[in-house]
Amino acid sequence: MILPPSVDCAGAGCAQVLLTPDPVAKLMTARAVARGWRLGKLAHRFDAAMPDRPARPDKPELLPPNRMPKRGKIGSDRARIAMLHALAHIEFVAIDLAFDLIGRFGAQFPPEFTGEWMQVGAEEAMHFALLDRRLRQLGSFYGALPAHDGLWQAASETAHDALARLAIVPMVLEARALDITPATAARFEGAGDAPSARMLNRIMEDEIHHVSAGTSWFRHAANRLGVDPANHYQILVKRHFRGSLKPPFNDSARRQAGLTREFYSPLAQ
């Protein structure tokens, strides 16, 4: 995909991703913006207004969490498709979360921040493509089932605070994926779906990098403010996260990402 002439800076590129509703077009735009940055074609400038909500396709139907149908056990084809569809929606929203982070807060950080989160956004697009392809192999597709409409809530809640956004999205939500993905992959393996299990394990390798990026830039910003990173993280999570941090935690994967127990153990319920 060739970016339009109006997309001449990182901020405009990020806004373009969020304003693209079609899933295939969104992932192609994400890849094109990340490539444009990598090739030095986009200025480190952030004067484009970021939308309050991204554009969304007509399907899937977005429902509140309490109206989402139960998925059942992964042993059935129907339940495995429902789980993969839910994960595809998470990755679809994650594309927007990565580019919104850049477009909204990139001016507060050095260009290396933009470069790292451009890579994250491109990886989220790749994850969505993998999951949608697997759904099609199983006779379904993204949009065939309803999806959870609460995922953008974290972005709305932290739209005016870069540290809060880093604390909640990569360091809470994506860190939770590190906790649950190994068991989810094992259930797919146990159901005889080795291709899906391998795909989930492959995605998790990238998610470790995403949590690492969030943690390292959170530390960078906290140190610049002169506050203790772990303590400030706990303050922000209590203030902005409406759920709770529940064990068991994948301490090994979290530690690999630099998210050590001093951050999250005091918050565990």
Protein backbone atom coordinates (compact mmCIF):
# COMPACT_ATOMS: atom_id res chain seq x y z
CA MET A 1 0.00 0.00 0.00
CA ILE A 2 1.24 3.50 -0.91
CA LEU A 3 0.51 6.17 1.68
CA PRO A 4 -1.26 9.33 0.48
CA PRO A 5 0.87 12.52 0.16
CA SER A 6 -0.85 14.00 3.24
CA VAL A 7 0.80 11.30 5.37
CA ASP A 8 4.20 12.94 5.68
CA CYS A 9 4.81 12.51 9.41
CA ALA A 10 4.44 9.90 12.12
CA GLY A 11 1.38 11.52 13.66
CA ALA A 12 -0.54 11.67 10.38
CA GLY A 13 0.38 8.06 9.66
CA CYS A 14 -0.92 6.91 13.03
CA ALA A 15 -4.19 8.81 12.54
CA GLN A 16 -4.55 7.17 9.13
CA VAL A 17 -4.35 3.72 10.73
CA LEU A 18 -7.04 4.54 13.29
CA LEU A 19 -9.34 6.09 10.69
CA THR A 20 -9.24 2.97 8.47
CA PRO A 21 -12.19 0.68 9.33
CA ASP A 22 -11.70 -2.30 7.01
CA PRO A 23 -9.54 -4.98 8.71
CA VAL A 24 -7.42 -5.83 5.67
CA ALA A 25 -6.95 -2.18 4.79
CA LYS A 26 -6.08 -1.37 8.41
CA LEU A 27 -3.34 -3.98 8.63
CA MET A 28 -1.94 -2.92 5.24
CA THR A 29 -1.97 0.73 6.36
CA ALA A 30 -0.24 -0.22 9.61
CA ARG A 31 2.47 -2.05 7.70
CA ALA A 32 2.88 0.84 5.24
CA VAL A 33 3.18 3.44 8.02
CA ALA A 34 5.72 1.33 9.92
CA ARG A 35 7.71 0.80 6.72
CA GLY A 36 7.54 4.51 5.90
CA TRP A 37 8.97 5.35 9.30
CA ARG A 38 11.68 2.72 9.00
CA LEU A 39 12.71 4.09 5.59
CA GLY A 40 12.89 7.66 6.91
CA LYS A 41 9.94 8.90 4.87
CA LEU A 42 7.92 10.17 7.87
CA ALA A 43 8.97 13.13 10.00
CA HIS A 44 9.05 12.91 13.78
CA ARG A 45 6.05 15.25 14.04
CA PHE A 46 2.73 14.82 15.83
CA ASP A 47 0.38 17.63 14.88
CA ALA A 48 -2.43 15.37 13.57
CA ALA A 49 -5.47 15.03 15.83
CA MET A 50 -6.05 11.48 17.04
CA PRO A 51 -9.69 10.27 17.01
CA ASP A 52 -11.39 9.47 20.31
CA ARG A 53 -12.41 6.09 18.86
CA PRO A 54 -11.01 4.23 15.87
CA ALA A 55 -13.14 3.56 12.83
CA ARG A 56 -14.67 0.08 12.96
CA PRO A 57 -16.05 -2.28 10.29
CA ASP A 58 -19.74 -3.25 10.20
CA LYS A 59 -18.78 -6.71 11.50
CA PRO A 60 -18.13 -8.02 14.08
CA GLU A 61 -21.06 -6.84 16.13
CA LEU A 62 -19.61 -5.21 19.27
CA LEU A 63 -21.27 -6.20 22.53
CA PRO A 64 -20.75 -5.25 26.18
CA PRO A 65 -18.80 -7.90 28.12
CA ASN A 66 -21.87 -9.19 29.97
CA ARG A 67 -23.68 -9.92 26.68
CA MET A 68 -20.88 -11.95 25.10
CA PRO A 69 -21.91 -15.58 24.46
CA LYS A 70 -20.10 -18.31 26.38
CA ARG A 71 -17.37 -20.01 24.34
CA GLY A 72 -17.42 -23.44 25.97
CA LYS A 73 -14.53 -25.89 26.14
CA ILE A 74 -11.84 -25.75 23.46
CA GLY A 75 -12.37 -29.42 22.59
CA SER A 76 -15.13 -28.55 20.09
CA ASP A 77 -14.51 -26.90 16.71
CA ARG A 78 -17.10 -24.25 17.54
CA ALA A 79 -15.35 -23.31 20.81
CA ARG A 80 -11.91 -23.19 19.19
CA ILE A 81 -13.23 -20.89 16.47
CA ALA A 82 -14.84 -18.68 19.12
CA MET A 83 -11.55 -18.46 21.05
CA LEU A 84 -9.54 -17.67 17.92
CA HIS A 85 -12.10 -15.05 16.91
CA ALA A 86 -11.83 -13.40 20.34
CA LEU A 87 -8.04 -13.36 20.06
CA ALA A 88 -8.24 -11.93 16.52
CA HIS A 89 -10.39 -9.08 17.84
CA ILE A 90 -7.87 -8.39 20.61
CA GLU A 91 -5.08 -8.17 18.02
CA PHE A 92 -7.24 -5.98 15.76
CA VAL A 93 -7.75 -3.50 18.58
CA ALA A 94 -4.06 -3.82 19.53
CA ILE A 95 -3.11 -2.38 16.13
CA ASP A 96 -4.99 0.80 17.01
CA LEU A 97 -3.63 0.85 20.56
CA ALA A 98 -0.04 0.80 19.31
CA PHE A 99 -0.52 3.55 16.74
CA ASP A 100 -2.67 5.65 19.07
CA LEU A 101 0.15 5.49 21.64
CA ILE A 102 2.58 6.88 19.08
CA GLY A 103 0.27 9.52 17.62
CA ARG A 104 -0.95 10.74 21.00
CA PHE A 105 2.31 10.69 22.99
CA GLY A 106 5.18 10.41 20.52
CA ALA A 107 6.17 14.07 20.87
CA GLN A 108 6.97 13.43 24.57
CA PHE A 109 9.62 10.84 23.71
CA PRO A 110 12.71 10.53 21.50
CA PRO A 111 12.41 9.05 17.98
CA GLU A 112 13.48 5.64 19.31
CA PHE A 113 10.11 5.42 21.08
CA THR A 114 8.28 5.90 17.80
CA GLY A 115 10.48 3.34 16.07
CA GLU A 116 9.89 0.67 18.70
CA TRP A 117 6.12 1.16 18.80
CA MET A 118 5.90 1.24 15.00
CA GLN A 119 7.45 -2.24 15.12
CA VAL A 120 4.94 -3.28 17.78
CA GLY A 121 2.06 -2.01 15.64
CA ALA A 122 3.33 -3.91 12.60
CA GLU A 123 3.62 -7.07 14.71
CA GLU A 124 0.07 -6.67 15.99
CA ALA A 125 -1.07 -6.42 12.36
CA MET A 126 0.83 -9.62 11.58
CA HIS A 127 -0.78 -11.38 14.56
CA PHE A 128 -4.23 -10.36 13.33
CA ALA A 129 -3.42 -11.67 9.85
CA LEU A 130 -2.26 -15.02 11.27
CA LEU A 131 -5.41 -15.44 13.36
CA ASP A 132 -7.75 -14.42 10.55
CA ARG A 133 -6.02 -16.86 8.20
CA ARG A 134 -6.39 -19.66 10.78
CA LEU A 135 -10.09 -18.81 11.18
CA ARG A 136 -10.53 -19.12 7.41
CA GLN A 137 -8.73 -22.46 7.42
CA LEU A 138 -11.31 -23.62 9.98
CA GLY A 139 -14.23 -22.37 7.88
CA SER A 140 -14.81 -19.03 9.59
CA PHE A 141 -13.48 -15.45 9.41
CA TYR A 142 -13.05 -12.33 11.51
CA GLY A 143 -16.46 -10.70 11.85
CA ALA A 144 -18.42 -13.96 11.84
CA LEU A 145 -19.03 -13.73 15.60
CA PRO A 146 -19.73 -10.86 18.01
CA ALA A 147 -16.79 -9.29 19.83
CA HIS A 148 -16.05 -7.59 23.15
CA ASP A 149 -16.54 -3.79 23.02
CA GLY A 150 -14.67 -3.02 26.23
CA LEU A 151 -11.14 -3.23 24.85
CA TRP A 152 -10.87 0.42 23.84
CA GLN A 153 -11.85 1.48 27.35
CA ALA A 154 -8.21 1.37 28.48
CA ALA A 155 -7.26 3.82 25.74
CA SER A 156 -10.08 6.22 26.62
CA GLU A 157 -9.20 6.04 30.32
CA THR A 158 -5.54 6.93 29.67
CA ALA A 159 -5.88 9.31 26.71
CA HIS A 160 -4.16 12.19 28.53
CA ASP A 161 -1.32 10.43 30.38
CA ALA A 162 1.49 8.60 28.61
CA LEU A 163 2.65 6.80 31.75
CA ALA A 164 -0.87 5.65 32.53
CA ARG A 165 -1.24 4.32 28.99
CA LEU A 166 2.05 2.40 29.26
CA ALA A 167 1.10 1.08 32.69
CA ILE A 168 -2.33 -0.18 31.69
CA VAL A 169 -1.97 -1.43 28.10
CA PRO A 170 1.39 -3.20 27.80
CA MET A 171 2.12 -3.65 31.52
CA VAL A 172 -1.32 -4.93 32.60
CA LEU A 173 -3.31 -6.09 29.57
CA GLU A 174 -0.50 -7.49 27.44
CA ALA A 175 1.26 -8.86 30.51
CA ARG A 176 -1.93 -10.79 31.26
CA ALA A 177 -1.58 -12.44 27.85
CA LEU A 178 1.82 -13.74 28.97
CA ASP A 179 0.06 -15.39 31.93
CA ILE A 180 -2.72 -17.13 30.04
CA THR A 181 -1.33 -17.91 26.56
CA PRO A 182 0.76 -20.98 27.51
CA ALA A 183 -2.28 -22.71 29.06
CA THR A 184 -4.48 -21.69 26.12
CA ALA A 185 -1.95 -23.09 23.64
CA ALA A 186 -1.77 -26.30 25.67
CA ARG A 187 -5.56 -26.66 25.47
CA PHE A 188 -5.45 -26.30 21.69
CA GLU A 189 -2.67 -28.88 21.58
CA GLY A 190 -4.74 -31.21 23.74
CA ALA A 191 -7.71 -30.78 21.40
CA GLY A 192 -5.55 -31.92 18.47
CA ASP A 193 -5.11 -28.44 16.98
CA ALA A 194 -1.33 -28.23 16.83
CA PRO A 195 -1.27 -25.48 14.14
CA SER A 196 -3.25 -23.09 16.37
CA ALA A 197 -1.08 -23.97 19.38
CA ARG A 198 2.12 -23.22 17.44
CA MET A 199 0.65 -19.93 16.23
CA LEU A 200 -0.25 -18.83 19.76
CA ASN A 201 3.22 -19.70 21.05
CA ARG A 202 4.72 -17.73 18.14
CA ILE A 203 2.56 -14.70 18.95
CA MET A 204 3.57 -14.89 22.62
CA GLU A 205 7.24 -14.44 21.68
CA ASP A 206 6.34 -11.05 20.22
CA GLU A 207 4.14 -10.16 23.18
CA ILE A 208 7.14 -10.53 25.49
CA HIS A 209 8.80 -7.81 23.40
CA HIS A 210 5.68 -5.65 23.63
CA VAL A 211 5.58 -5.88 27.43
CA SER A 212 9.33 -5.19 27.48
CA ALA A 213 8.84 -2.08 25.34
CA GLY A 214 6.12 -0.83 27.66
CA THR A 215 8.15 -1.51 30.79
CA SER A 216 11.38 0.04 29.51
CA TRP A 217 9.70 3.23 28.29
CA PHE A 218 7.68 3.44 31.51
CA ARG A 219 10.92 3.27 33.48
CA HIS A 220 12.44 5.90 31.17
CA ALA A 221 9.54 8.31 31.72
CA ALA A 222 9.28 7.65 35.47
CA ASN A 223 13.00 8.24 35.97
CA ARG A 224 12.75 11.45 33.97
CA LEU A 225 9.98 12.60 36.33
CA GLY A 226 12.03 11.58 39.38
CA VAL A 227 9.48 9.03 40.67
CA ASP A 228 10.00 5.41 41.67
CA PRO A 229 8.85 3.30 38.66
CA ALA A 230 7.29 0.42 40.62
CA ASN A 231 5.49 2.64 43.09
CA HIS A 232 4.20 4.98 40.38
CA TYR A 233 3.01 1.99 38.37
CA GLN A 234 0.95 0.79 41.33
CA ILE A 235 -0.58 4.25 41.79
CA LEU A 236 -1.58 4.42 38.12
CA VAL A 237 -3.01 0.91 38.02
CA LYS A 238 -5.16 1.59 41.07
CA ARG A 239 -6.33 4.84 39.51
CA HIS A 240 -7.01 3.73 35.95
CA PHE A 241 -7.54 -0.04 35.82
CA ARG A 242 -11.06 -1.15 36.71
CA GLY A 243 -10.27 -4.83 37.08
CA SER A 244 -7.89 -6.60 39.40
CA LEU A 245 -4.54 -8.30 38.92
CA LYS A 246 -5.16 -11.98 39.57
CA PRO A 247 -2.57 -14.73 39.92
CA PRO A 248 -1.23 -17.07 38.75
CA PHE A 249 1.38 -14.93 37.00
CA ASN A 250 3.89 -16.13 34.43
CA ASP A 251 6.75 -14.72 36.47
CA SER A 252 9.37 -16.11 34.08
CA ALA A 253 7.93 -14.43 30.96
CA ARG A 254 7.22 -11.21 32.86
CA ARG A 255 10.78 -11.15 34.19
CA GLN A 256 12.09 -11.74 30.65
CA ALA A 257 10.14 -8.62 29.66
CA GLY A 258 11.62 -6.62 32.55
CA LEU A 259 8.32 -6.55 34.45
CA THR A 260 9.57 -7.82 37.79
CA ARG A 261 7.47 -8.82 40.81
CA GLU A 262 8.13 -5.55 42.61
CA PHE A 263 5.71 -3.93 40.13
CA TYR A 264 2.71 -6.22 40.32
CA SER A 265 2.94 -8.38 43.46
CA PRO A 266 1.61 -5.64 45.78
CA LEU A 267 -1.46 -5.35 43.52
CA ALA A 268 -2.25 -9.06 43.31
CA GLN A 269 -5.65 -10.26 44.53
